[in-house]
């Protein structure tokens, strides 16, 4: 009889430990992997910058009316154009060079502004 109680006790402890481990695992999955820095440094082509901006916009769109990121960008080749990109507000085309761009949310939309 005591042998049965010992087995049931060990089984209960094992189930409890497994439940705790599964709980910690799901909690870790819900946490962001690492928070993005407010100031982002970028060096590369205009196409790569456009990809980075779209990634940051995806993270910023859920926020409501706040500045999310500041990108210190050095475009080495190509032109960054606002054609086909409605989120680019106050510039038409950016040729290769150094720029400061601000990623912010306005309503539920992501907006990119060039800092002068």
PDB file of N, CA and C in Angstrom:
ATOM      1  N   UNK A   1       0.818  -1.194   0.000  1.00  0.00           N
ATOM      2  CA  UNK A   1       0.000   0.000   0.000  1.00  0.00           C
ATOM      3  C   UNK A   1       0.864   1.261   0.000  1.00  0.00           C
ATOM      4  N   UNK A   2       1.912   1.241   0.812  1.00  0.00           N
ATOM      5  CA  UNK A   2       2.797   2.403   0.865  1.00  0.00           C
ATOM      6  C   UNK A   2       3.500   2.604  -0.470  1.00  0.00           C
ATOM      7  N   UNK A   3       3.747   1.513  -1.152  1.00  0.00           N
ATOM      8  CA  UNK A   3       4.391   1.580  -2.461  1.00  0.00           C
ATOM      9  C   UNK A   3       3.499   2.330  -3.462  1.00  0.00           C
ATOM     10  N   UNK A   4       2.201   2.125  -3.384  1.00  0.00           N
ATOM     11  CA  UNK A   4       1.251   2.798  -4.268  1.00  0.00           C
ATOM     12  C   UNK A   4       1.221   4.294  -3.974  1.00  0.00           C
ATOM     13  N   UNK A   5       1.220   4.666  -2.695  1.00  0.00           N
ATOM     14  CA  UNK A   5       1.226   6.086  -2.336  1.00  0.00           C
ATOM     15  C   UNK A   5       2.504   6.766  -2.813  1.00  0.00           C
ATOM     16  N   UNK A   6       3.618   6.083  -2.724  1.00  0.00           N
ATOM     17  CA  UNK A   6       4.892   6.631  -3.185  1.00  0.00           C
ATOM     18  C   UNK A   6       4.855   6.871  -4.693  1.00  0.00           C
ATOM     19  N   UNK A   7       4.326   5.912  -5.439  1.00  0.00           N
ATOM     20  CA  UNK A   7       4.230   6.055  -6.898  1.00  0.00           C
ATOM     21  C   UNK A   7       3.293   7.193  -7.280  1.00  0.00           C
ATOM     22  N   UNK A   8       2.164   7.310  -6.591  1.00  0.00           N
ATOM     23  CA  UNK A   8       1.222   8.397  -6.870  1.00  0.00           C
ATOM     24  C   UNK A   8       1.860   9.743  -6.530  1.00  0.00           C
ATOM     25  N   UNK A   9       2.590   9.808  -5.425  1.00  0.00           N
ATOM     26  CA  UNK A   9       3.276  11.047  -5.032  1.00  0.00           C
ATOM     27  C   UNK A   9       4.317  11.460  -6.054  1.00  0.00           C
ATOM     28  N   UNK A  10       5.114  10.514  -6.513  1.00  0.00           N
ATOM     29  CA  UNK A  10       6.134  10.813  -7.527  1.00  0.00           C
ATOM     30  C   UNK A  10       5.471  11.262  -8.823  1.00  0.00           C
ATOM     31  N   UNK A  11       4.383  10.622  -9.204  1.00  0.00           N
ATOM     32  CA  UNK A  11       3.656  10.993 -10.413  1.00  0.00           C
ATOM     33  C   UNK A  11       3.094  12.412 -10.304  1.00  0.00           C
ATOM     34  N   UNK A  12       2.524  12.761  -9.149  1.00  0.00           N
ATOM     35  CA  UNK A  12       1.993  14.114  -8.946  1.00  0.00           C
ATOM     36  C   UNK A  12       3.098  15.168  -9.011  1.00  0.00           C
ATOM     37  N   UNK A  13       4.235  14.887  -8.414  1.00  0.00           N
ATOM     38  CA  UNK A  13       5.362  15.823  -8.463  1.00  0.00           C
ATOM     39  C   UNK A  13       5.841  15.983  -9.904  1.00  0.00           C
ATOM     40  N   UNK A  14       5.945  14.884 -10.639  1.00  0.00           N
ATOM     41  CA  UNK A  14       6.396  14.944 -12.030  1.00  0.00           C
ATOM     42  C   UNK A  14       5.427  15.746 -12.894  1.00  0.00           C
ATOM     43  N   UNK A  15       4.134  15.531 -12.718  1.00  0.00           N
ATOM     44  CA  UNK A  15       3.128  16.274 -13.488  1.00  0.00           C
ATOM     45  C   UNK A  15       3.188  17.757 -13.145  1.00  0.00           C
ATOM     46  N   UNK A  16       3.363  18.095 -11.884  1.00  0.00           N
ATOM     47  CA  UNK A  16       3.455  19.492 -11.464  1.00  0.00           C
ATOM     48  C   UNK A  16       4.685  20.166 -12.063  1.00  0.00           C
ATOM     49  N   UNK A  17       5.817  19.486 -12.024  1.00  0.00           N
ATOM     50  CA  UNK A  17       7.045  20.050 -12.595  1.00  0.00           C
ATOM     51  C   UNK A  17       6.886  20.249 -14.099  1.00  0.00           C
ATOM     52  N   UNK A  18       6.300  19.288 -14.794  1.00  0.00           N
ATOM     53  CA  UNK A  18       6.087  19.413 -16.242  1.00  0.00           C
ATOM     54  C   UNK A  18       5.147  20.578 -16.557  1.00  0.00           C
ATOM     55  N   UNK A  19       4.095  20.735 -15.769  1.00  0.00           N
ATOM     56  CA  UNK A  19       3.162  21.839 -15.987  1.00  0.00           C
ATOM     57  C   UNK A  19       3.865  23.179 -15.793  1.00  0.00           C
ATOM     58  N   UNK A  20       4.718  23.280 -14.786  1.00  0.00           N
ATOM     59  CA  UNK A  20       5.476  24.517 -14.567  1.00  0.00           C
ATOM     60  C   UNK A  20       6.425  24.796 -15.727  1.00  0.00           C
ATOM     61  N   UNK A  21       7.119  23.782 -16.200  1.00  0.00           N
ATOM     62  CA  UNK A  21       8.039  23.967 -17.325  1.00  0.00           C
ATOM     63  C   UNK A  21       7.299  24.396 -18.590  1.00  0.00           C
ATOM     64  N   UNK A  22       6.162  23.800 -18.849  1.00  0.00           N
ATOM     65  CA  UNK A  22       5.366  24.189 -20.018  1.00  0.00           C
ATOM     66  C   UNK A  22       4.864  25.620 -19.857  1.00  0.00           C
ATOM     67  N   UNK A  23       4.449  25.992 -18.661  1.00  0.00           N
ATOM     68  CA  UNK A  23       4.011  27.364 -18.408  1.00  0.00           C
ATOM     69  C   UNK A  23       5.120  28.371 -18.648  1.00  0.00           C
ATOM     70  N   UNK A  24       6.328  28.082 -18.169  1.00  0.00           N
ATOM     71  CA  UNK A  24       7.461  28.977 -18.413  1.00  0.00           C
ATOM     72  C   UNK A  24       7.789  29.062 -19.896  1.00  0.00           C
ATOM     73  N   UNK A  25       7.683  27.954 -20.609  1.00  0.00           N
ATOM     74  CA  UNK A  25       7.983  27.950 -22.044  1.00  0.00           C
ATOM     75  C   UNK A  25       7.000  28.834 -22.808  1.00  0.00           C
ATOM     76  N   UNK A  26       5.706  28.723 -22.514  1.00  0.00           N
ATOM     77  CA  UNK A  26       4.726  29.559 -23.195  1.00  0.00           C
ATOM     78  C   UNK A  26       4.882  31.026 -22.811  1.00  0.00           C
ATOM     79  N   UNK A  27       5.241  31.292 -21.582  1.00  0.00           N
ATOM     80  CA  UNK A  27       5.479  32.675 -21.164  1.00  0.00           C
ATOM     81  C   UNK A  27       6.661  33.269 -21.931  1.00  0.00           C
ATOM     82  N   UNK A  28       7.712  32.489 -22.123  1.00  0.00           N
ATOM     83  CA  UNK A  28       8.884  32.960 -22.863  1.00  0.00           C
ATOM     84  C   UNK A  28       8.546  33.199 -24.329  1.00  0.00           C
ATOM     85  N   UNK A  29       7.660  32.412 -24.896  1.00  0.00           N
ATOM     86  CA  UNK A  29       7.270  32.607 -26.291  1.00  0.00           C
ATOM     87  C   UNK A  29       6.501  33.909 -26.486  1.00  0.00           C
ATOM     88  N   UNK A  30       5.767  34.346 -25.487  1.00  0.00           N
ATOM     89  CA  UNK A  30       4.971  35.560 -25.610  1.00  0.00           C
ATOM     90  C   UNK A  30       5.788  36.830 -25.409  1.00  0.00           C
ATOM     91  N   UNK A  31       6.979  36.726 -24.886  1.00  0.00           N
ATOM     92  CA  UNK A  31       7.828  37.891 -24.669  1.00  0.00           C
ATOM     93  C   UNK A  31       8.568  38.235 -25.959  1.00  0.00           C
ATOM     94  N   UNK A  32       8.770  39.527 -26.267  1.00  0.00           N
ATOM     95  CA  UNK A  32       9.574  39.874 -27.442  1.00  0.00           C
ATOM     96  C   UNK A  32      11.003  39.380 -27.257  1.00  0.00           C
ATOM     97  N   UNK A  33      11.612  38.953 -28.347  1.00  0.00           N
ATOM     98  CA  UNK A  33      12.941  38.352 -28.247  1.00  0.00           C
ATOM     99  C   UNK A  33      13.959  39.345 -27.696  1.00  0.00           C
ATOM    100  N   UNK A  34      13.996  40.534 -28.242  1.00  0.00           N
ATOM    101  CA  UNK A  34      14.819  41.596 -27.675  1.00  0.00           C
ATOM    102  C   UNK A  34      14.226  42.915 -28.135  1.00  0.00           C
ATOM    103  N   UNK A  35      14.109  43.865 -27.258  1.00  0.00           N
ATOM    104  CA  UNK A  35      13.486  45.129 -27.641  1.00  0.00           C
ATOM    105  C   UNK A  35      14.339  45.884 -28.655  1.00  0.00           C
ATOM    106  N   UNK A  36      13.668  46.485 -29.628  1.00  0.00           N
ATOM    107  CA  UNK A  36      14.369  47.281 -30.628  1.00  0.00           C
ATOM    108  C   UNK A  36      14.812  48.597 -29.992  1.00  0.00           C
ATOM    109  N   UNK A  37      15.957  49.051 -30.385  1.00  0.00           N
ATOM    110  CA  UNK A  37      16.457  50.332 -29.903  1.00  0.00           C
ATOM    111  C   UNK A  37      15.682  51.459 -30.581  1.00  0.00           C
ATOM    112  N   UNK A  38      15.549  52.582 -29.895  1.00  0.00           N
ATOM    113  CA  UNK A  38      14.868  53.740 -30.473  1.00  0.00           C
ATOM    114  C   UNK A  38      15.638  54.295 -31.668  1.00  0.00           C
ATOM    115  N   UNK A  39      16.970  54.346 -31.561  1.00  0.00           N
ATOM    116  CA  UNK A  39      17.794  54.864 -32.656  1.00  0.00           C
ATOM    117  C   UNK A  39      18.378  53.682 -33.416  1.00  0.00           C
ATOM    118  N   UNK A  40      18.053  53.620 -34.703  1.00  0.00           N
ATOM    119  CA  UNK A  40      18.526  52.546 -35.563  1.00  0.00           C
ATOM    120  C   UNK A  40      19.586  53.107 -36.506  1.00  0.00           C
ATOM    121  N   UNK A  41      20.713  52.435 -36.617  1.00  0.00           N
ATOM    122  CA  UNK A  41      21.754  52.824 -37.561  1.00  0.00           C
ATOM    123  C   UNK A  41      21.636  51.939 -38.786  1.00  0.00           C
ATOM    124  N   UNK A  42      21.761  52.535 -39.976  1.00  0.00           N
ATOM    125  CA  UNK A  42      21.632  51.762 -41.208  1.00  0.00           C
ATOM    126  C   UNK A  42      22.630  52.265 -42.237  1.00  0.00           C
ATOM    127  N   UNK A  43      23.289  51.335 -42.903  1.00  0.00           N
ATOM    128  CA  UNK A  43      24.143  51.635 -44.044  1.00  0.00           C
ATOM    129  C   UNK A  43      23.861  50.580 -45.096  1.00  0.00           C
ATOM    130  N   UNK A  44      23.505  51.015 -46.303  1.00  0.00           N
ATOM    131  CA  UNK A  44      23.228  50.056 -47.365  1.00  0.00           C
ATOM    132  C   UNK A  44      22.457  50.697 -48.500  1.00  0.00           C
ATOM    133  N   UNK A  45      21.922  49.855 -49.370  1.00  0.00           N
ATOM    134  CA  UNK A  45      21.208  50.345 -50.549  1.00  0.00           C
ATOM    135  C   UNK A  45      19.810  50.831 -50.165  1.00  0.00           C
ATOM    136  N   UNK A  46      19.215  51.573 -51.081  1.00  0.00           N
ATOM    137  CA  UNK A  46      17.873  52.098 -50.850  1.00  0.00           C
ATOM    138  C   UNK A  46      16.859  50.967 -50.718  1.00  0.00           C
ATOM    139  N   UNK A  47      17.054  49.887 -51.455  1.00  0.00           N
ATOM    140  CA  UNK A  47      16.141  48.744 -51.384  1.00  0.00           C
ATOM    141  C   UNK A  47      16.200  48.087 -50.004  1.00  0.00           C
ATOM    142  N   UNK A  48      17.411  47.957 -49.456  1.00  0.00           N
ATOM    143  CA  UNK A  48      17.559  47.377 -48.119  1.00  0.00           C
ATOM    144  C   UNK A  48      16.926  48.279 -47.061  1.00  0.00           C
ATOM    145  N   UNK A  49      17.085  49.594 -47.237  1.00  0.00           N
ATOM    146  CA  UNK A  49      16.485  50.541 -46.294  1.00  0.00           C
ATOM    147  C   UNK A  49      14.961  50.459 -46.348  1.00  0.00           C
ATOM    148  N   UNK A  50      14.425  50.317 -47.542  1.00  0.00           N
ATOM    149  CA  UNK A  50      12.976  50.194 -47.686  1.00  0.00           C
ATOM    150  C   UNK A  50      12.464  48.947 -46.958  1.00  0.00           C
ATOM    151  N   UNK A  51      13.222  47.850 -47.036  1.00  0.00           N
ATOM    152  CA  UNK A  51      12.848  46.622 -46.328  1.00  0.00           C
ATOM    153  C   UNK A  51      12.899  46.838 -44.810  1.00  0.00           C
ATOM    154  N   UNK A  52      13.956  47.505 -44.337  1.00  0.00           N
ATOM    155  CA  UNK A  52      14.092  47.760 -42.895  1.00  0.00           C
ATOM    156  C   UNK A  52      12.957  48.657 -42.402  1.00  0.00           C
ATOM    157  N   UNK A  53      12.608  49.665 -43.195  1.00  0.00           N
ATOM    158  CA  UNK A  53      11.519  50.571 -42.817  1.00  0.00           C
ATOM    159  C   UNK A  53      10.202  49.807 -42.730  1.00  0.00           C
ATOM    160  N   UNK A  54       9.949  48.908 -43.685  1.00  0.00           N
ATOM    161  CA  UNK A  54       8.692  48.156 -43.641  1.00  0.00           C
ATOM    162  C   UNK A  54       8.644  47.245 -42.414  1.00  0.00           C
ATOM    163  N   UNK A  55       9.799  46.684 -42.026  1.00  0.00           N
ATOM    164  CA  UNK A  55       9.856  45.842 -40.822  1.00  0.00           C
ATOM    165  C   UNK A  55       9.568  46.681 -39.571  1.00  0.00           C
ATOM    166  N   UNK A  56      10.186  47.862 -39.482  1.00  0.00           N
ATOM    167  CA  UNK A  56       9.954  48.732 -38.326  1.00  0.00           C
ATOM    168  C   UNK A  56       8.525  49.259 -38.301  1.00  0.00           C
ATOM    169  N   UNK A  57       7.953  49.504 -39.486  1.00  0.00           N
ATOM    170  CA  UNK A  57       6.562  49.963 -39.556  1.00  0.00           C
ATOM    171  C   UNK A  57       5.617  48.904 -39.012  1.00  0.00           C
ATOM    172  N   UNK A  58       5.909  47.653 -39.300  1.00  0.00           N
ATOM    173  CA  UNK A  58       5.076  46.572 -38.779  1.00  0.00           C
ATOM    174  C   UNK A  58       5.066  46.543 -37.265  1.00  0.00           C
ATOM    175  N   UNK A  59       6.198  46.894 -36.660  1.00  0.00           N
ATOM    176  CA  UNK A  59       6.286  46.909 -35.204  1.00  0.00           C
ATOM    177  C   UNK A  59       5.665  48.167 -34.618  1.00  0.00           C
ATOM    178  N   UNK A  60       5.653  49.245 -35.393  1.00  0.00           N
ATOM    179  CA  UNK A  60       5.197  50.540 -34.882  1.00  0.00           C
ATOM    180  C   UNK A  60       3.697  50.751 -35.086  1.00  0.00           C
ATOM    181  N   UNK A  61       3.101  50.064 -36.038  1.00  0.00           N
ATOM    182  CA  UNK A  61       1.710  50.340 -36.404  1.00  0.00           C
ATOM    183  C   UNK A  61       0.736  50.101 -35.259  1.00  0.00           C
ATOM    184  N   UNK A  62       1.067  49.208 -34.352  1.00  0.00           N
ATOM    185  CA  UNK A  62       0.140  48.919 -33.251  1.00  0.00           C
ATOM    186  C   UNK A  62       0.127  50.024 -32.199  1.00  0.00           C
ATOM    187  N   UNK A  63       1.167  50.832 -32.158  1.00  0.00           N
ATOM    188  CA  UNK A  63       1.212  51.937 -31.189  1.00  0.00           C
ATOM    189  C   UNK A  63       0.263  53.043 -31.648  1.00  0.00           C
ATOM    190  N   UNK A  64      -0.147  53.901 -30.731  1.00  0.00           N
ATOM    191  CA  UNK A  64      -1.071  54.964 -31.109  1.00  0.00           C
ATOM    192  C   UNK A  64      -0.413  56.323 -30.953  1.00  0.00           C
ATOM    193  N   UNK A  65      -0.265  57.016 -32.058  1.00  0.00           N
ATOM    194  CA  UNK A  65       0.239  58.390 -32.116  1.00  0.00           C
ATOM    195  C   UNK A  65       1.489  58.612 -31.276  1.00  0.00           C
ATOM    196  N   UNK A  66       2.548  57.943 -31.646  1.00  0.00           N
ATOM    197  CA  UNK A  66       3.810  58.162 -30.947  1.00  0.00           C
ATOM    198  C   UNK A  66       4.980  57.940 -31.894  1.00  0.00           C
ATOM    199  N   UNK A  67       6.109  58.521 -31.539  1.00  0.00           N
ATOM    200  CA  UNK A  67       7.335  58.308 -32.295  1.00  0.00           C
ATOM    201  C   UNK A  67       7.915  56.966 -31.877  1.00  0.00           C
ATOM    202  N   UNK A  68       8.205  56.117 -32.854  1.00  0.00           N
ATOM    203  CA  UNK A  68       8.696  54.777 -32.527  1.00  0.00           C
ATOM    204  C   UNK A  68      10.210  54.666 -32.689  1.00  0.00           C
ATOM    205  N   UNK A  69      10.726  55.053 -33.841  1.00  0.00           N
ATOM    206  CA  UNK A  69      12.147  54.866 -34.127  1.00  0.00           C
ATOM    207  C   UNK A  69      12.707  56.080 -34.851  1.00  0.00           C
ATOM    208  N   UNK A  70      14.002  56.274 -34.684  1.00  0.00           N
ATOM    209  CA  UNK A  70      14.751  57.259 -35.446  1.00  0.00           C
ATOM    210  C   UNK A  70      15.837  56.486 -36.179  1.00  0.00           C
ATOM    211  N   UNK A  71      15.858  56.596 -37.504  1.00  0.00           N
ATOM    212  CA  UNK A  71      16.828  55.862 -38.315  1.00  0.00           C
ATOM    213  C   UNK A  71      17.881  56.836 -38.808  1.00  0.00           C
ATOM    214  N   UNK A  72      19.128  56.560 -38.464  1.00  0.00           N
ATOM    215  CA  UNK A  72      20.249  57.314 -39.017  1.00  0.00           C
ATOM    216  C   UNK A  72      20.743  56.481 -40.196  1.00  0.00           C
ATOM    217  N   UNK A  73      20.367  56.903 -41.407  1.00  0.00           N
ATOM    218  CA  UNK A  73      20.585  56.081 -42.595  1.00  0.00           C
ATOM    219  C   UNK A  73      21.654  56.674 -43.497  1.00  0.00           C
ATOM    220  N   UNK A  74      22.496  55.795 -44.002  1.00  0.00           N
ATOM    221  CA  UNK A  74      23.442  56.163 -45.055  1.00  0.00           C
ATOM    222  C   UNK A  74      23.103  55.301 -46.264  1.00  0.00           C
ATOM    223  N   UNK A  75      22.512  55.939 -47.282  1.00  0.00           N
ATOM    224  CA  UNK A  75      22.158  55.222 -48.507  1.00  0.00           C
ATOM    225  C   UNK A  75      23.387  55.218 -49.406  1.00  0.00           C
ATOM    226  N   UNK A  76      23.861  54.028 -49.763  1.00  0.00           N
ATOM    227  CA  UNK A  76      25.081  53.918 -50.560  1.00  0.00           C
ATOM    228  C   UNK A  76      24.800  53.798 -52.051  1.00  0.00           C
ATOM    229  N   UNK A  77      23.643  53.248 -52.418  1.00  0.00           N
ATOM    230  CA  UNK A  77      23.313  53.133 -53.841  1.00  0.00           C
ATOM    231  C   UNK A  77      21.811  53.139 -54.027  1.00  0.00           C
ATOM    232  N   UNK A  78      21.388  53.636 -55.168  1.00  0.00           N
ATOM    233  CA  UNK A  78      19.964  53.699 -55.479  1.00  0.00           C
ATOM    234  C   UNK A  78      19.304  54.901 -54.828  1.00  0.00           C
ATOM    235  N   UNK A  79      18.069  55.161 -55.231  1.00  0.00           N
ATOM    236  CA  UNK A  79      17.285  56.261 -54.682  1.00  0.00           C
ATOM    237  C   UNK A  79      16.105  55.701 -53.907  1.00  0.00           C
ATOM    238  N   UNK A  80      15.851  56.274 -52.752  1.00  0.00           N
ATOM    239  CA  UNK A  80      14.672  55.905 -51.974  1.00  0.00           C
ATOM    240  C   UNK A  80      13.552  56.825 -52.424  1.00  0.00           C
ATOM    241  N   UNK A  81      12.525  56.251 -53.024  1.00  0.00           N
ATOM    242  CA  UNK A  81      11.457  57.042 -53.608  1.00  0.00           C
ATOM    243  C   UNK A  81      10.168  56.851 -52.827  1.00  0.00           C
ATOM    244  N   UNK A  82       9.380  57.913 -52.756  1.00  0.00           N
ATOM    245  CA  UNK A  82       8.092  57.818 -52.068  1.00  0.00           C
ATOM    246  C   UNK A  82       7.010  57.265 -52.988  1.00  0.00           C
ATOM    247  N   UNK A  83       7.327  57.062 -54.266  1.00  0.00           N
ATOM    248  CA  UNK A  83       6.359  56.497 -55.195  1.00  0.00           C
ATOM    249  C   UNK A  83       6.008  55.076 -54.769  1.00  0.00           C
ATOM    250  N   UNK A  84       4.744  54.823 -54.570  1.00  0.00           N
ATOM    251  CA  UNK A  84       4.297  53.500 -54.139  1.00  0.00           C
ATOM    252  C   UNK A  84       4.440  53.269 -52.648  1.00  0.00           C
ATOM    253  N   UNK A  85       4.903  54.265 -51.927  1.00  0.00           N
ATOM    254  CA  UNK A  85       5.060  54.157 -50.475  1.00  0.00           C
ATOM    255  C   UNK A  85       4.272  55.276 -49.808  1.00  0.00           C
ATOM    256  N   UNK A  86       3.003  55.065 -49.526  1.00  0.00           N
ATOM    257  CA  UNK A  86       2.179  56.145 -48.973  1.00  0.00           C
ATOM    258  C   UNK A  86       2.609  56.588 -47.584  1.00  0.00           C
ATOM    259  N   UNK A  87       3.429  55.771 -46.894  1.00  0.00           N
ATOM    260  CA  UNK A  87       3.835  56.167 -45.547  1.00  0.00           C
ATOM    261  C   UNK A  87       4.932  57.232 -45.553  1.00  0.00           C
ATOM    262  N   UNK A  88       5.605  57.453 -46.702  1.00  0.00           N
ATOM    263  CA  UNK A  88       6.633  58.487 -46.783  1.00  0.00           C
ATOM    264  C   UNK A  88       5.940  59.831 -46.957  1.00  0.00           C
ATOM    265  N   UNK A  89       6.083  60.718 -45.976  1.00  0.00           N
ATOM    266  CA  UNK A  89       5.265  61.924 -45.944  1.00  0.00           C
ATOM    267  C   UNK A  89       5.918  63.124 -46.610  1.00  0.00           C
ATOM    268  N   UNK A  90       7.073  63.554 -46.135  1.00  0.00           N
ATOM    269  CA  UNK A  90       7.566  64.865 -46.543  1.00  0.00           C
ATOM    270  C   UNK A  90       8.810  64.812 -47.428  1.00  0.00           C
ATOM    271  N   UNK A  91       8.899  63.834 -48.310  1.00  0.00           N
ATOM    272  CA  UNK A  91       9.974  63.844 -49.300  1.00  0.00           C
ATOM    273  C   UNK A  91       9.552  63.052 -50.522  1.00  0.00           C
ATOM    274  N   UNK A  92      10.133  63.394 -51.663  1.00  0.00           N
ATOM    275  CA  UNK A  92       9.842  62.689 -52.911  1.00  0.00           C
ATOM    276  C   UNK A  92      10.869  61.592 -53.156  1.00  0.00           C
ATOM    277  N   UNK A  93      12.151  61.985 -53.335  1.00  0.00           N
ATOM    278  CA  UNK A  93      13.214  61.025 -53.632  1.00  0.00           C
ATOM    279  C   UNK A  93      14.447  61.374 -52.816  1.00  0.00           C
ATOM    280  N   UNK A  94      15.088  60.357 -52.252  1.00  0.00           N
ATOM    281  CA  UNK A  94      16.333  60.557 -51.514  1.00  0.00           C
ATOM    282  C   UNK A  94      17.462  59.878 -52.284  1.00  0.00           C
ATOM    283  N   UNK A  95      18.387  60.659 -52.845  1.00  0.00           N
ATOM    284  CA  UNK A  95      19.546  60.067 -53.518  1.00  0.00           C
ATOM    285  C   UNK A  95      20.543  59.544 -52.477  1.00  0.00           C
ATOM    286  N   UNK A  96      21.597  58.845 -52.903  1.00  0.00           N
ATOM    287  CA  UNK A  96      22.595  58.369 -51.932  1.00  0.00           C
ATOM    288  C   UNK A  96      23.125  59.507 -51.061  1.00  0.00           C
ATOM    289  N   UNK A  97      23.276  59.237 -49.779  1.00  0.00           N
ATOM    290  CA  UNK A  97      23.744  60.230 -48.819  1.00  0.00           C
ATOM    291  C   UNK A  97      23.317  59.845 -47.414  1.00  0.00           C
ATOM    292  N   UNK A  98      23.500  60.781 -46.479  1.00  0.00           N
ATOM    293  CA  UNK A  98      23.152  60.552 -45.069  1.00  0.00           C
ATOM    294  C   UNK A  98      21.844  61.265 -44.731  1.00  0.00           C
ATOM    295  N   UNK A  99      20.963  60.562 -44.020  1.00  0.00           N
ATOM    296  CA  UNK A  99      19.651  61.109 -43.683  1.00  0.00           C
ATOM    297  C   UNK A  99      19.225  60.646 -42.293  1.00  0.00           C
ATOM    298  N   UNK A 100      18.362  61.439 -41.677  1.00  0.00           N
ATOM    299  CA  UNK A 100      17.678  61.039 -40.454  1.00  0.00           C
ATOM    300  C   UNK A 100      16.206  60.881 -40.812  1.00  0.00           C
ATOM    301  N   UNK A 101      15.657  59.702 -40.546  1.00  0.00           N
ATOM    302  CA  UNK A 101      14.253  59.424 -40.822  1.00  0.00           C
ATOM    303  C   UNK A 101      13.567  59.041 -39.515  1.00  0.00           C
ATOM    304  N   UNK A 102      12.371  59.550 -39.320  1.00  0.00           N
ATOM    305  CA  UNK A 102      11.614  59.244 -38.111  1.00  0.00           C
ATOM    306  C   UNK A 102      10.444  58.334 -38.479  1.00  0.00           C
ATOM    307  N   UNK A 103      10.326  57.217 -37.785  1.00  0.00           N
ATOM    308  CA  UNK A 103       9.214  56.277 -37.964  1.00  0.00           C
ATOM    309  C   UNK A 103       8.250  56.523 -36.813  1.00  0.00           C
ATOM    310  N   UNK A 104       7.015  56.860 -37.145  1.00  0.00           N
ATOM    311  CA  UNK A 104       6.030  57.141 -36.104  1.00  0.00           C
ATOM    312  C   UNK A 104       4.679  56.579 -36.506  1.00  0.00           C
ATOM    313  N   UNK A 105       3.813  56.442 -35.544  1.00  0.00           N
ATOM    314  CA  UNK A 105       2.455  55.990 -35.840  1.00  0.00           C
ATOM    315  C   UNK A 105       1.525  57.188 -35.744  1.00  0.00           C
ATOM    316  N   UNK A 106       0.620  57.255 -36.693  1.00  0.00           N
ATOM    317  CA  UNK A 106      -0.376  58.314 -36.714  1.00  0.00           C
ATOM    318  C   UNK A 106      -1.722  57.632 -36.923  1.00  0.00           C
ATOM    319  N   UNK A 107      -2.537  57.614 -35.902  1.00  0.00           N
ATOM    320  CA  UNK A 107      -3.757  56.807 -35.968  1.00  0.00           C
ATOM    321  C   UNK A 107      -3.342  55.351 -35.912  1.00  0.00           C
ATOM    322  N   UNK A 108      -3.721  54.604 -36.906  1.00  0.00           N
ATOM    323  CA  UNK A 108      -3.284  53.207 -36.979  1.00  0.00           C
ATOM    324  C   UNK A 108      -2.338  52.997 -38.155  1.00  0.00           C
ATOM    325  N   UNK A 109      -1.797  54.105 -38.704  1.00  0.00           N
ATOM    326  CA  UNK A 109      -0.897  54.014 -39.848  1.00  0.00           C
ATOM    327  C   UNK A 109       0.527  54.346 -39.428  1.00  0.00           C
ATOM    328  N   UNK A 110       1.468  53.775 -40.143  1.00  0.00           N
ATOM    329  CA  UNK A 110       2.880  54.087 -39.944  1.00  0.00           C
ATOM    330  C   UNK A 110       3.250  55.236 -40.871  1.00  0.00           C
ATOM    331  N   UNK A 111       3.979  56.204 -40.358  1.00  0.00           N
ATOM    332  CA  UNK A 111       4.375  57.376 -41.136  1.00  0.00           C
ATOM    333  C   UNK A 111       5.887  57.547 -41.027  1.00  0.00           C
ATOM    334  N   UNK A 112       6.538  57.818 -42.172  1.00  0.00           N
ATOM    335  CA  UNK A 112       7.978  58.065 -42.206  1.00  0.00           C
ATOM    336  C   UNK A 112       8.192  59.530 -42.555  1.00  0.00           C
ATOM    337  N   UNK A 113       8.924  60.234 -41.712  1.00  0.00           N
ATOM    338  CA  UNK A 113       9.228  61.646 -41.966  1.00  0.00           C
ATOM    339  C   UNK A 113      10.735  61.836 -42.035  1.00  0.00           C
ATOM    340  N   UNK A 114      11.142  62.687 -42.957  1.00  0.00           N
ATOM    341  CA  UNK A 114      12.556  63.043 -43.059  1.00  0.00           C
ATOM    342  C   UNK A 114      12.822  64.179 -42.091  1.00  0.00           C
ATOM    343  N   UNK A 115      13.846  64.013 -41.264  1.00  0.00           N
ATOM    344  CA  UNK A 115      14.230  65.067 -40.325  1.00  0.00           C
ATOM    345  C   UNK A 115      15.162  66.027 -41.063  1.00  0.00           C
ATOM    346  N   UNK A 116      14.901  67.290 -40.948  1.00  0.00           N
ATOM    347  CA  UNK A 116      15.741  68.300 -41.632  1.00  0.00           C
ATOM    348  C   UNK A 116      16.916  68.689 -40.778  1.00  0.00           C
TER     349      UNK A 116
END
